Amino acid sequence: MIKLNDYLYSGDTIFRILDKYIADLRKEAKRTHNAIDLTHCNFLLQIRGLLEHNDFLTAQSQQIREFYKYMAKEYPFLAFTFKGRIKSLIRAEAKFNGYIVEYIYDYYVERGTYPSVSEIKDRLSCFRDFIAYRIVISMPKCHYPNEEKRKAEELKCLYEIANVLPGFLEERGFTAESAYGVKISESSFMNEEVRPYYRDYISNQSANGYQSLHITFFDNSSRSFMEVQIRTKTMDDIAEIGQANHTAYEKKQKEERARRDVIPKGECRYFDEAYERGMDLLGIELNKLDVNMFGAVDNNLINDGCGLYRGRLILPYEHLSRFQNDLID
């Protein structure tokens, strides 16, 4: 079986790794008549195209920058950051195979049989977050000595920003995509006209404490999707260095092993292959990889100069709060 892991020890660049992986995977898929691996190749080609194509990213990030300038004018007392990234090759590969494992498992548990190739392919057409931007805001404590009041005002600002974003970007060539009722917002701060577009992980908090607002846009200029996440600094800490991050790896392994125990090995090759590829990626030792512009001491200390693991950075904008000595009544 062709696996990404086998290409990560050659010292090649990301592009050479992708080219070799895609070519070998396509050749093997044709030989074995594996329609899902052919879909896999097309998925990888999308990733490659995004990594290589800089022109539309420059134009897109400029439109995002306009919203940054709007926020700097409207909320000069807030501290906030804008970051953008293209999903990393390792995480994109893990997500693709994870979708297959999850879909086949759920289908089997519900019906006692396996989905058709066309049904699996339909499930794999839903990727919308190859490109993602994150807005993180923080209300400085110097503005609000009362912590409870500070947090309340910070949350209010977060939803105000979320209410403005869809209309702002639609005037600049983007179309907000429906969330199809997933994590529909229950917050009284969110306007009714934008509620259908947001997946609200704040009013619908996850069991691991993860909180954020997610919205997907279609960029009509580049003909690509992008996701925007909006959260406070506290929410970002929980997601990146807190409970939501620390438990994710262990939980993922446990869930994957549970699914393997339910699906008899050898009955569904699409499940077997996706499961093996996913588990290999979960157990990867980053310090042993040899990829150009990538280095790691271990799985926590990483110098990712090519976006292999953490993703390719598109933009960083930072706004430091003004009027640091002024209190806001």
C-alpha atoms as a PDB file:
ATOM      1  CA  MET A   1       0.000   0.000   0.000  1.00  0.00           C
ATOM      2  CA  ILE A   2       1.237   3.499  -0.877  1.00  0.00           C
ATOM      3  CA  LYS A   3       1.529   5.737   2.221  1.00  0.00           C
ATOM      4  CA  LEU A   4       2.718   9.323   2.740  1.00  0.00           C
ATOM      5  CA  ASN A   5       4.979   8.232   5.608  1.00  0.00           C
ATOM      6  CA  ASP A   6       7.256   6.394   3.173  1.00  0.00           C
ATOM      7  CA  TYR A   7       8.156   9.653   1.396  1.00  0.00           C
ATOM      8  CA  LEU A   8       9.125  11.738   4.428  1.00  0.00           C
ATOM      9  CA  TYR A   9      12.720  10.540   4.914  1.00  0.00           C
ATOM     10  CA  SER A  10      14.400  11.556   1.660  1.00  0.00           C
ATOM     11  CA  GLY A  11      15.340  15.182   2.316  1.00  0.00           C
ATOM     12  CA  ASP A  12      13.066  16.246  -0.556  1.00  0.00           C
ATOM     13  CA  THR A  13      11.027  19.441  -0.695  1.00  0.00           C
ATOM     14  CA  ILE A  14       7.281  19.416  -0.042  1.00  0.00           C
ATOM     15  CA  PHE A  15       6.587  19.661  -3.771  1.00  0.00           C
ATOM     16  CA  ARG A  16       8.835  16.725  -4.676  1.00  0.00           C
ATOM     17  CA  ILE A  17       7.300  14.631  -1.909  1.00  0.00           C
ATOM     18  CA  LEU A  18       3.792  15.434  -3.145  1.00  0.00           C
ATOM     19  CA  ASP A  19       4.685  14.773  -6.789  1.00  0.00           C
ATOM     20  CA  LYS A  20       6.186  11.370  -5.999  1.00  0.00           C
ATOM     21  CA  TYR A  21       3.386  10.385  -3.647  1.00  0.00           C
ATOM     22  CA  ILE A  22       0.658  11.390  -6.108  1.00  0.00           C
ATOM     23  CA  ALA A  23       2.364   9.639  -9.052  1.00  0.00           C
ATOM     24  CA  ASP A  24       2.876   6.379  -7.173  1.00  0.00           C
ATOM     25  CA  LEU A  25      -0.575   6.468  -5.589  1.00  0.00           C
ATOM     26  CA  ARG A  26      -2.247   7.063  -8.967  1.00  0.00           C
ATOM     27  CA  LYS A  27      -0.263   4.256 -10.604  1.00  0.00           C
ATOM     28  CA  GLU A  28      -1.204   1.822  -7.835  1.00  0.00           C
ATOM     29  CA  ALA A  29      -4.850   2.952  -7.874  1.00  0.00           C
ATOM     30  CA  LYS A  30      -5.130   2.254 -11.591  1.00  0.00           C
ATOM     31  CA  ARG A  31      -3.463  -1.124 -11.193  1.00  0.00           C
ATOM     32  CA  THR A  32      -5.820  -2.185  -8.386  1.00  0.00           C
ATOM     33  CA  HIS A  33      -8.900  -0.326  -9.717  1.00  0.00           C
ATOM     34  CA  ASN A  34      -9.131   1.670  -6.475  1.00  0.00           C
ATOM     35  CA  ALA A  35     -11.509   4.564  -7.177  1.00  0.00           C
ATOM     36  CA  ILE A  36     -11.075   6.043  -3.683  1.00  0.00           C
ATOM     37  CA  ASP A  37      -7.309   6.355  -4.132  1.00  0.00           C
ATOM     38  CA  LEU A  38      -7.928   8.177  -7.412  1.00  0.00           C
ATOM     39  CA  THR A  39     -10.108  10.618  -5.463  1.00  0.00           C
ATOM     40  CA  HIS A  40      -7.263  10.779  -2.941  1.00  0.00           C
ATOM     41  CA  CYS A  41      -4.902  11.842  -5.749  1.00  0.00           C
ATOM     42  CA  ASN A  42      -7.239  14.657  -6.781  1.00  0.00           C
ATOM     43  CA  PHE A  43      -7.417  15.779  -3.157  1.00  0.00           C
ATOM     44  CA  LEU A  44      -3.607  15.928  -2.972  1.00  0.00           C
ATOM     45  CA  LEU A  45      -3.470  17.881  -6.234  1.00  0.00           C
ATOM     46  CA  GLN A  46      -5.704  20.528  -4.640  1.00  0.00           C
ATOM     47  CA  ILE A  47      -3.273  20.815  -1.743  1.00  0.00           C
ATOM     48  CA  ARG A  48      -0.342  21.094  -4.138  1.00  0.00           C
ATOM     49  CA  GLY A  49      -2.085  23.778  -6.162  1.00  0.00           C
ATOM     50  CA  LEU A  50      -2.748  25.892  -3.080  1.00  0.00           C
ATOM     51  CA  LEU A  51       0.844  25.565  -1.908  1.00  0.00           C
ATOM     52  CA  GLU A  52       2.196  26.606  -5.298  1.00  0.00           C
ATOM     53  CA  HIS A  53      -0.272  29.330  -6.341  1.00  0.00           C
ATOM     54  CA  ASN A  54       0.677  32.621  -4.668  1.00  0.00           C
ATOM     55  CA  ASP A  55      -1.222  35.187  -6.734  1.00  0.00           C
ATOM     56  CA  PHE A  56      -4.732  34.577  -5.422  1.00  0.00           C
ATOM     57  CA  LEU A  57      -3.448  34.251  -1.848  1.00  0.00           C
ATOM     58  CA  THR A  58      -1.930  37.720  -2.094  1.00  0.00           C
ATOM     59  CA  ALA A  59      -5.231  39.162  -3.355  1.00  0.00           C
ATOM     60  CA  GLN A  60      -7.247  37.247  -0.766  1.00  0.00           C
ATOM     61  CA  SER A  61      -5.072  38.270   2.165  1.00  0.00           C
ATOM     62  CA  GLN A  62      -5.361  41.900   1.052  1.00  0.00           C
ATOM     63  CA  GLN A  63      -9.136  41.675   1.439  1.00  0.00           C
ATOM     64  CA  ILE A  64      -8.686  40.156   4.896  1.00  0.00           C
ATOM     65  CA  ARG A  65      -6.320  43.019   5.671  1.00  0.00           C
ATOM     66  CA  GLU A  66      -9.155  45.458   4.910  1.00  0.00           C
ATOM     67  CA  PHE A  67     -11.159  43.880   7.729  1.00  0.00           C
ATOM     68  CA  TYR A  68      -8.108  44.188   9.975  1.00  0.00           C
ATOM     69  CA  LYS A  69      -8.014  47.920   9.209  1.00  0.00           C
ATOM     70  CA  TYR A  70     -11.740  48.177   9.946  1.00  0.00           C
ATOM     71  CA  MET A  71     -11.245  46.527  13.333  1.00  0.00           C
ATOM     72  CA  ALA A  72      -8.248  48.733  14.159  1.00  0.00           C
ATOM     73  CA  LYS A  73     -10.435  51.783  13.584  1.00  0.00           C
ATOM     74  CA  GLU A  74     -13.574  50.510  15.322  1.00  0.00           C
ATOM     75  CA  TYR A  75     -11.864  48.775  18.257  1.00  0.00           C
ATOM     76  CA  PRO A  76      -8.624  50.669  18.971  1.00  0.00           C
ATOM     77  CA  PHE A  77      -8.751  49.559  22.623  1.00  0.00           C
ATOM     78  CA  LEU A  78      -8.736  45.848  21.690  1.00  0.00           C
ATOM     79  CA  ALA A  79      -5.597  43.814  21.182  1.00  0.00           C
ATOM     80  CA  PHE A  80      -6.005  41.297  18.350  1.00  0.00           C
ATOM     81  CA  THR A  81      -4.167  39.167  15.830  1.00  0.00           C
ATOM     82  CA  PHE A  82      -5.010  37.956  12.332  1.00  0.00           C
ATOM     83  CA  LYS A  83      -3.332  34.772  11.132  1.00  0.00           C
ATOM     84  CA  GLY A  84      -3.836  32.790   7.941  1.00  0.00           C
ATOM     85  CA  ARG A  85      -2.578  29.387   6.910  1.00  0.00           C
ATOM     86  CA  ILE A  86      -2.912  26.641   4.335  1.00  0.00           C
ATOM     87  CA  LYS A  87      -3.591  23.302   6.009  1.00  0.00           C
ATOM     88  CA  SER A  88      -0.389  21.287   6.364  1.00  0.00           C
ATOM     89  CA  LEU A  89       0.241  18.230   4.236  1.00  0.00           C
ATOM     90  CA  ILE A  90       0.338  15.892   7.241  1.00  0.00           C
ATOM     91  CA  ARG A  91      -2.890  17.208   8.751  1.00  0.00           C
ATOM     92  CA  ALA A  92      -4.683  17.289   5.399  1.00  0.00           C
ATOM     93  CA  GLU A  93      -3.688  13.673   4.776  1.00  0.00           C
ATOM     94  CA  ALA A  94      -4.827  12.698   8.267  1.00  0.00           C
ATOM     95  CA  LYS A  95      -8.170  14.454   7.788  1.00  0.00           C
ATOM     96  CA  PHE A  96      -8.832  12.795   4.423  1.00  0.00           C
ATOM     97  CA  ASN A  97      -8.238   9.324   5.801  1.00  0.00           C
ATOM     98  CA  GLY A  98     -10.077  10.170   9.015  1.00  0.00           C
ATOM     99  CA  TYR A  99     -13.197  11.091   7.040  1.00  0.00           C
ATOM    100  CA  ILE A 100     -13.146   7.701   5.322  1.00  0.00           C
ATOM    101  CA  VAL A 101     -12.729   5.806   8.598  1.00  0.00           C
ATOM    102  CA  GLU A 102     -15.442   7.811  10.368  1.00  0.00           C
ATOM    103  CA  TYR A 103     -17.948   7.586   7.510  1.00  0.00           C
ATOM    104  CA  ILE A 104     -17.558   3.841   6.911  1.00  0.00           C
ATOM    105  CA  TYR A 105     -17.681   3.134  10.652  1.00  0.00           C
ATOM    106  CA  ASP A 106     -20.869   5.167  11.191  1.00  0.00           C
ATOM    107  CA  TYR A 107     -22.459   3.621   8.086  1.00  0.00           C
ATOM    108  CA  TYR A 108     -21.604   0.081   9.231  1.00  0.00           C
ATOM    109  CA  VAL A 109     -22.836   0.625  12.794  1.00  0.00           C
ATOM    110  CA  GLU A 110     -26.148   2.031  11.552  1.00  0.00           C
ATOM    111  CA  ARG A 111     -26.830  -0.410   8.691  1.00  0.00           C
ATOM    112  CA  GLY A 112     -24.627  -3.452   9.194  1.00  0.00           C
ATOM    113  CA  THR A 113     -23.177  -3.093   5.705  1.00  0.00           C
ATOM    114  CA  TYR A 114     -20.664  -0.883   3.884  1.00  0.00           C
ATOM    115  CA  PRO A 115     -21.229   2.228   1.740  1.00  0.00           C
ATOM    116  CA  SER A 116     -20.735   2.119  -2.009  1.00  0.00           C
ATOM    117  CA  VAL A 117     -17.768   3.758  -3.692  1.00  0.00           C
ATOM    118  CA  SER A 118     -20.003   6.592  -4.933  1.00  0.00           C
ATOM    119  CA  GLU A 119     -21.279   7.226  -1.389  1.00  0.00           C
ATOM    120  CA  ILE A 120     -17.732   7.411  -0.023  1.00  0.00           C
ATOM    121  CA  LYS A 121     -16.705   9.765  -2.818  1.00  0.00           C
ATOM    122  CA  ASP A 122     -19.673  12.034  -2.051  1.00  0.00           C
ATOM    123  CA  ARG A 123     -18.552  12.172   1.591  1.00  0.00           C
ATOM    124  CA  LEU A 124     -15.084  13.227   0.492  1.00  0.00           C
ATOM    125  CA  SER A 125     -16.325  16.288  -1.412  1.00  0.00           C
ATOM    126  CA  CYS A 126     -16.910  18.412   1.692  1.00  0.00           C
ATOM    127  CA  PHE A 127     -13.468  19.903   2.407  1.00  0.00           C
ATOM    128  CA  ARG A 128     -13.820  23.625   3.012  1.00  0.00           C
ATOM    129  CA  ASP A 129     -10.913  24.547   5.297  1.00  0.00           C
ATOM    130  CA  PHE A 130      -7.769  24.095   3.202  1.00  0.00           C
ATOM    131  CA  ILE A 131      -7.340  27.858   3.667  1.00  0.00           C
ATOM    132  CA  ALA A 132      -8.184  29.258   7.096  1.00  0.00           C
ATOM    133  CA  TYR A 133      -7.873  32.596   8.845  1.00  0.00           C
ATOM    134  CA  ARG A 134      -8.078  33.130  12.591  1.00  0.00           C
ATOM    135  CA  ILE A 135      -8.994  36.330  14.421  1.00  0.00           C
ATOM    136  CA  VAL A 136      -8.059  36.316  18.110  1.00  0.00           C
ATOM    137  CA  ILE A 137      -9.129  39.244  20.295  1.00  0.00           C
ATOM    138  CA  SER A 138      -8.238  40.274  23.823  1.00  0.00           C
ATOM    139  CA  MET A 139      -9.651  43.020  26.020  1.00  0.00           C
ATOM    140  CA  PRO A 140      -6.677  44.249  28.093  1.00  0.00           C
ATOM    141  CA  LYS A 141      -7.177  44.090  31.833  1.00  0.00           C
ATOM    142  CA  CYS A 142      -6.034  47.693  32.204  1.00  0.00           C
ATOM    143  CA  HIS A 143      -9.319  48.811  30.597  1.00  0.00           C
ATOM    144  CA  TYR A 144     -11.548  46.813  32.934  1.00  0.00           C
ATOM    145  CA  PRO A 145     -10.262  46.200  36.473  1.00  0.00           C
ATOM    146  CA  ASN A 146     -13.369  44.073  37.112  1.00  0.00           C
ATOM    147  CA  GLU A 147     -12.600  40.683  35.519  1.00  0.00           C
ATOM    148  CA  GLU A 148     -16.217  39.613  35.128  1.00  0.00           C
ATOM    149  CA  LYS A 149     -17.115  42.837  33.357  1.00  0.00           C
ATOM    150  CA  ARG A 150     -14.005  42.579  31.161  1.00  0.00           C
ATOM    151  CA  LYS A 151     -14.922  39.072  29.977  1.00  0.00           C
ATOM    152  CA  ALA A 152     -18.514  40.104  29.302  1.00  0.00           C
ATOM    153  CA  GLU A 153     -17.400  43.068  27.188  1.00  0.00           C
ATOM    154  CA  GLU A 154     -14.841  40.904  25.364  1.00  0.00           C
ATOM    155  CA  LEU A 155     -17.510  38.362  24.439  1.00  0.00           C
ATOM    156  CA  LYS A 156     -19.855  41.131  23.295  1.00  0.00           C
ATOM    157  CA  CYS A 157     -17.102  42.515  21.027  1.00  0.00           C
ATOM    158  CA  LEU A 158     -16.459  39.035  19.634  1.00  0.00           C
ATOM    159  CA  TYR A 159     -20.052  38.652  18.462  1.00  0.00           C
ATOM    160  CA  GLU A 160     -20.177  42.239  17.176  1.00  0.00           C
ATOM    161  CA  ILE A 161     -17.196  41.435  14.956  1.00  0.00           C
ATOM    162  CA  ALA A 162     -18.841  38.183  13.852  1.00  0.00           C
ATOM    163  CA  ASN A 163     -22.028  40.050  12.916  1.00  0.00           C
ATOM    164  CA  VAL A 164     -20.151  42.475  10.659  1.00  0.00           C
ATOM    165  CA  LEU A 165     -17.761  40.032   8.944  1.00  0.00           C
ATOM    166  CA  PRO A 166     -20.137  38.304   6.442  1.00  0.00           C
ATOM    167  CA  GLY A 167     -21.481  41.529   4.972  1.00  0.00           C
ATOM    168  CA  PHE A 168     -18.032  43.125   4.907  1.00  0.00           C
ATOM    169  CA  LEU A 169     -16.511  40.262   2.894  1.00  0.00           C
ATOM    170  CA  GLU A 170     -19.535  39.812   0.631  1.00  0.00           C
ATOM    171  CA  GLU A 171     -18.999  43.376  -0.568  1.00  0.00           C
ATOM    172  CA  ARG A 172     -15.479  42.276  -1.570  1.00  0.00           C
ATOM    173  CA  GLY A 173     -16.209  39.184  -3.636  1.00  0.00           C
ATOM    174  CA  PHE A 174     -16.836  36.481  -1.021  1.00  0.00           C
ATOM    175  CA  THR A 175     -19.999  34.468  -0.399  1.00  0.00           C
ATOM    176  CA  ALA A 176     -20.837  33.154   3.060  1.00  0.00           C
ATOM    177  CA  GLU A 177     -21.685  29.438   3.072  1.00  0.00           C
ATOM    178  CA  SER A 178     -24.511  27.927   5.094  1.00  0.00           C
ATOM    179  CA  ALA A 179     -23.501  25.978   8.210  1.00  0.00           C
ATOM    180  CA  TYR A 180     -26.410  23.607   7.454  1.00  0.00           C
ATOM    181  CA  GLY A 181     -27.593  23.728  11.052  1.00  0.00           C
ATOM    182  CA  VAL A 182     -24.315  22.460  12.519  1.00  0.00           C
ATOM    183  CA  LYS A 183     -23.664  24.064  15.926  1.00  0.00           C
ATOM    184  CA  ILE A 184     -26.229  26.773  15.193  1.00  0.00           C
ATOM    185  CA  SER A 185     -25.669  29.752  17.494  1.00  0.00           C
ATOM    186  CA  GLU A 186     -27.809  30.104  20.588  1.00  0.00           C
ATOM    187  CA  SER A 187     -26.230  33.398  21.621  1.00  0.00           C
ATOM    188  CA  SER A 188     -28.415  36.467  21.994  1.00  0.00           C
ATOM    189  CA  PHE A 189     -25.450  38.539  20.769  1.00  0.00           C
ATOM    190  CA  MET A 190     -25.546  37.036  17.281  1.00  0.00           C
ATOM    191  CA  ASN A 191     -27.763  38.738  14.698  1.00  0.00           C
ATOM    192  CA  GLU A 192     -30.452  36.605  13.096  1.00  0.00           C
ATOM    193  CA  GLU A 193     -29.345  37.374   9.538  1.00  0.00           C
ATOM    194  CA  VAL A 194     -25.861  35.893  10.079  1.00  0.00           C
ATOM    195  CA  ARG A 195     -26.829  33.066  12.448  1.00  0.00           C
ATOM    196  CA  PRO A 196     -27.289  30.459   9.642  1.00  0.00           C
ATOM    197  CA  TYR A 197     -23.668  30.896   8.527  1.00  0.00           C
ATOM    198  CA  TYR A 198     -21.857  30.316  11.820  1.00  0.00           C
ATOM    199  CA  ARG A 199     -20.898  27.142  13.623  1.00  0.00           C
ATOM    200  CA  ASP A 200     -20.922  28.400  17.197  1.00  0.00           C
ATOM    201  CA  TYR A 201     -18.665  26.356  19.487  1.00  0.00           C
ATOM    202  CA  ILE A 202     -19.112  28.987  22.228  1.00  0.00           C
ATOM    203  CA  SER A 203     -22.828  28.687  22.889  1.00  0.00           C
ATOM    204  CA  ASN A 204     -22.455  24.984  21.982  1.00  0.00           C
ATOM    205  CA  GLN A 205     -19.234  24.305  23.869  1.00  0.00           C
ATOM    206  CA  SER A 206     -17.445  20.989  23.193  1.00  0.00           C
ATOM    207  CA  ALA A 207     -16.774  18.498  25.965  1.00  0.00           C
ATOM    208  CA  ASN A 208     -13.039  19.270  25.913  1.00  0.00           C
ATOM    209  CA  GLY A 209     -13.644  23.005  26.446  1.00  0.00           C
ATOM    210  CA  TYR A 210     -13.030  24.095  22.842  1.00  0.00           C
ATOM    211  CA  GLN A 211     -14.702  27.426  22.006  1.00  0.00           C
ATOM    212  CA  SER A 212     -14.674  29.404  18.770  1.00  0.00           C
ATOM    213  CA  LEU A 213     -16.888  30.803  16.006  1.00  0.00           C
ATOM    214  CA  HIS A 214     -16.381  29.231  12.557  1.00  0.00           C
ATOM    215  CA  ILE A 215     -17.675  30.531   9.233  1.00  0.00           C
ATOM    216  CA  THR A 216     -16.891  29.401   5.669  1.00  0.00           C
ATOM    217  CA  PHE A 217     -16.674  31.692   2.637  1.00  0.00           C
ATOM    218  CA  PHE A 218     -16.362  31.012  -1.073  1.00  0.00           C
ATOM    219  CA  ASP A 219     -13.815  33.288  -2.722  1.00  0.00           C
ATOM    220  CA  ASN A 220     -15.440  34.081  -6.075  1.00  0.00           C
ATOM    221  CA  SER A 221     -12.154  35.412  -7.471  1.00  0.00           C
ATOM    222  CA  SER A 222      -9.993  32.343  -6.848  1.00  0.00           C
ATOM    223  CA  ARG A 223     -12.923  29.876  -6.870  1.00  0.00           C
ATOM    224  CA  SER A 224     -11.823  28.407  -3.563  1.00  0.00           C
ATOM    225  CA  PHE A 225     -13.235  28.049  -0.061  1.00  0.00           C
ATOM    226  CA  MET A 226     -11.761  29.528   3.080  1.00  0.00           C
ATOM    227  CA  GLU A 227     -12.696  29.288   6.741  1.00  0.00           C
ATOM    228  CA  VAL A 228     -12.551  32.112   9.288  1.00  0.00           C
ATOM    229  CA  GLN A 229     -12.335  31.373  13.018  1.00  0.00           C
ATOM    230  CA  ILE A 230     -13.027  34.073  15.605  1.00  0.00           C
ATOM    231  CA  ARG A 231     -12.168  33.603  19.273  1.00  0.00           C
ATOM    232  CA  THR A 232     -10.847  35.323  22.385  1.00  0.00           C
ATOM    233  CA  LYS A 233      -7.306  34.906  23.675  1.00  0.00           C
ATOM    234  CA  THR A 234      -8.563  32.652  26.487  1.00  0.00           C
ATOM    235  CA  MET A 235     -10.390  30.467  23.972  1.00  0.00           C
ATOM    236  CA  ASP A 236      -7.289  30.363  21.789  1.00  0.00           C
ATOM    237  CA  ASP A 237      -5.136  29.283  24.735  1.00  0.00           C
ATOM    238  CA  ILE A 238      -7.512  26.427  25.529  1.00  0.00           C
ATOM    239  CA  ALA A 239      -7.439  25.322  21.875  1.00  0.00           C
ATOM    240  CA  GLU A 240      -3.691  25.649  21.346  1.00  0.00           C
ATOM    241  CA  ILE A 241      -1.988  24.952  24.684  1.00  0.00           C
ATOM    242  CA  GLY A 242      -4.842  23.973  26.989  1.00  0.00           C
ATOM    243  CA  GLN A 243      -7.156  21.056  27.540  1.00  0.00           C
ATOM    244  CA  ALA A 244      -8.603  20.989  24.012  1.00  0.00           C
ATOM    245  CA  ASN A 245      -5.108  20.504  22.594  1.00  0.00           C
ATOM    246  CA  HIS A 246      -3.646  18.161  25.180  1.00  0.00           C
ATOM    247  CA  THR A 247      -6.488  15.648  25.051  1.00  0.00           C
ATOM    248  CA  ALA A 248      -6.941  15.621  21.280  1.00  0.00           C
ATOM    249  CA  TYR A 249      -4.105  13.210  20.429  1.00  0.00           C
ATOM    250  CA  GLU A 250      -5.021  10.646  23.068  1.00  0.00           C
ATOM    251  CA  LYS A 251      -8.734  10.891  22.252  1.00  0.00           C
ATOM    252  CA  LYS A 252      -8.066  10.481  18.521  1.00  0.00           C
ATOM    253  CA  GLN A 253      -6.041   7.316  19.059  1.00  0.00           C
ATOM    254  CA  LYS A 254      -8.701   5.852  21.350  1.00  0.00           C
ATOM    255  CA  GLU A 255     -11.509   6.574  18.864  1.00  0.00           C
ATOM    256  CA  GLU A 256      -9.593   5.136  15.923  1.00  0.00           C
ATOM    257  CA  ARG A 257      -8.753   1.923  17.788  1.00  0.00           C
ATOM    258  CA  ALA A 258     -12.401   1.540  18.835  1.00  0.00           C
ATOM    259  CA  ARG A 259     -13.495   1.772  15.212  1.00  0.00           C
ATOM    260  CA  ARG A 260     -10.924  -0.823  14.181  1.00  0.00           C
ATOM    261  CA  ASP A 261     -12.323  -3.217  16.786  1.00  0.00           C
ATOM    262  CA  VAL A 262     -15.826  -2.898  15.284  1.00  0.00           C
ATOM    263  CA  ILE A 263     -14.974  -3.261  11.576  1.00  0.00           C
ATOM    264  CA  PRO A 264     -13.691  -6.789  10.786  1.00  0.00           C
ATOM    265  CA  LYS A 265     -10.309  -6.560   9.117  1.00  0.00           C
ATOM    266  CA  GLY A 266     -10.324  -7.558   5.464  1.00  0.00           C
ATOM    267  CA  GLU A 267     -14.016  -6.852   4.819  1.00  0.00           C
ATOM    268  CA  CYS A 268     -13.638  -3.289   3.504  1.00  0.00           C
ATOM    269  CA  ARG A 269     -10.343  -2.389   1.915  1.00  0.00           C
ATOM    270  CA  TYR A 270     -11.159   1.324   1.859  1.00  0.00           C
ATOM    271  CA  PHE A 271     -11.568   1.303   5.636  1.00  0.00           C
ATOM    272  CA  ASP A 272      -8.455  -0.856   6.133  1.00  0.00           C
ATOM    273  CA  GLU A 273      -6.223   1.378   4.015  1.00  0.00           C
ATOM    274  CA  ALA A 274      -7.508   4.667   5.447  1.00  0.00           C
ATOM    275  CA  TYR A 275      -7.199   3.305   8.983  1.00  0.00           C
ATOM    276  CA  GLU A 276      -3.589   2.182   8.454  1.00  0.00           C
ATOM    277  CA  ARG A 277      -2.577   5.470   6.841  1.00  0.00           C
ATOM    278  CA  GLY A 278      -4.216   7.442   9.645  1.00  0.00           C
ATOM    279  CA  MET A 279      -2.659   5.436  12.462  1.00  0.00           C
ATOM    280  CA  ASP A 280       0.778   5.688  10.852  1.00  0.00           C
ATOM    281  CA  LEU A 281       0.421   9.476  10.795  1.00  0.00           C
ATOM    282  CA  LEU A 282      -0.756   9.543  14.428  1.00  0.00           C
ATOM    283  CA  GLY A 283       2.327   7.627  15.495  1.00  0.00           C
ATOM    284  CA  ILE A 284       4.831   9.593  13.423  1.00  0.00           C
ATOM    285  CA  GLU A 285       8.045  10.669  15.172  1.00  0.00           C
ATOM    286  CA  LEU A 286       8.702  14.112  13.737  1.00  0.00           C
ATOM    287  CA  ASN A 287      12.325  14.237  14.886  1.00  0.00           C
ATOM    288  CA  LYS A 288      13.135  11.353  12.513  1.00  0.00           C
ATOM    289  CA  LEU A 289      11.729  13.000   9.391  1.00  0.00           C
ATOM    290  CA  ASP A 290      14.036  14.392   6.720  1.00  0.00           C
ATOM    291  CA  VAL A 291      12.087  16.991   4.764  1.00  0.00           C
ATOM    292  CA  ASN A 292      13.680  20.132   3.351  1.00  0.00           C
ATOM    293  CA  MET A 293      13.105  23.174   5.633  1.00  0.00           C
ATOM    294  CA  PHE A 294      11.706  21.035   8.445  1.00  0.00           C
ATOM    295  CA  GLY A 295      13.294  20.028  11.732  1.00  0.00           C
ATOM    296  CA  ALA A 296      12.088  18.749  15.084  1.00  0.00           C
ATOM    297  CA  VAL A 297      13.660  17.840  18.408  1.00  0.00           C
ATOM    298  CA  ASP A 298      10.517  15.921  19.284  1.00  0.00           C
ATOM    299  CA  ASN A 299       6.775  16.156  18.578  1.00  0.00           C
ATOM    300  CA  ASN A 300       6.511  19.342  20.656  1.00  0.00           C
ATOM    301  CA  LEU A 301       9.661  21.255  19.652  1.00  0.00           C
ATOM    302  CA  ILE A 302       9.277  21.872  15.935  1.00  0.00           C
ATOM    303  CA  ASN A 303      10.891  24.278  13.468  1.00  0.00           C
ATOM    304  CA  ASP A 304       8.521  24.015  10.521  1.00  0.00           C
ATOM    305  CA  GLY A 305       9.873  26.148   7.704  1.00  0.00           C
ATOM    306  CA  CYS A 306       7.817  24.481   4.981  1.00  0.00           C
ATOM    307  CA  GLY A 307       4.396  24.006   6.574  1.00  0.00           C
ATOM    308  CA  LEU A 308       4.726  20.226   6.644  1.00  0.00           C
ATOM    309  CA  TYR A 309       3.110  19.843  10.064  1.00  0.00           C
ATOM    310  CA  ARG A 310       1.798  23.223  11.184  1.00  0.00           C
ATOM    311  CA  GLY A 311       0.712  24.531   7.802  1.00  0.00           C
ATOM    312  CA  ARG A 312       1.970  27.281   5.541  1.00  0.00           C
ATOM    313  CA  LEU A 313       1.589  30.727   7.069  1.00  0.00           C
ATOM    314  CA  ILE A 314      -0.203  33.195   4.801  1.00  0.00           C
ATOM    315  CA  LEU A 315      -0.307  36.290   6.965  1.00  0.00           C
ATOM    316  CA  PRO A 316       0.323  37.586  10.461  1.00  0.00           C
ATOM    317  CA  TYR A 317      -1.223  40.921  11.480  1.00  0.00           C
ATOM    318  CA  GLU A 318      -0.971  42.112  15.059  1.00  0.00           C
ATOM    319  CA  HIS A 319      -2.797  45.050  16.623  1.00  0.00           C
ATOM    320  CA  LEU A 320      -1.675  46.222  20.031  1.00  0.00           C
ATOM    321  CA  SER A 321      -4.297  47.905  22.181  1.00  0.00           C
ATOM    322  CA  ARG A 322      -4.073  51.675  22.338  1.00  0.00           C
ATOM    323  CA  PHE A 323      -4.953  53.941  25.267  1.00  0.00           C
ATOM    324  CA  GLN A 324      -3.327  51.475  27.636  1.00  0.00           C
ATOM    325  CA  ASN A 325      -3.678  53.922  30.530  1.00  0.00           C
ATOM    326  CA  ASP A 326      -7.295  54.836  29.884  1.00  0.00           C
ATOM    327  CA  LEU A 327     -10.249  53.082  31.484  1.00  0.00           C
ATOM    328  CA  ILE A 328     -13.393  52.488  29.455  1.00  0.00           C
ATOM    329  CA  ASP A 329     -16.633  53.131  31.316  1.00  0.00           C
END
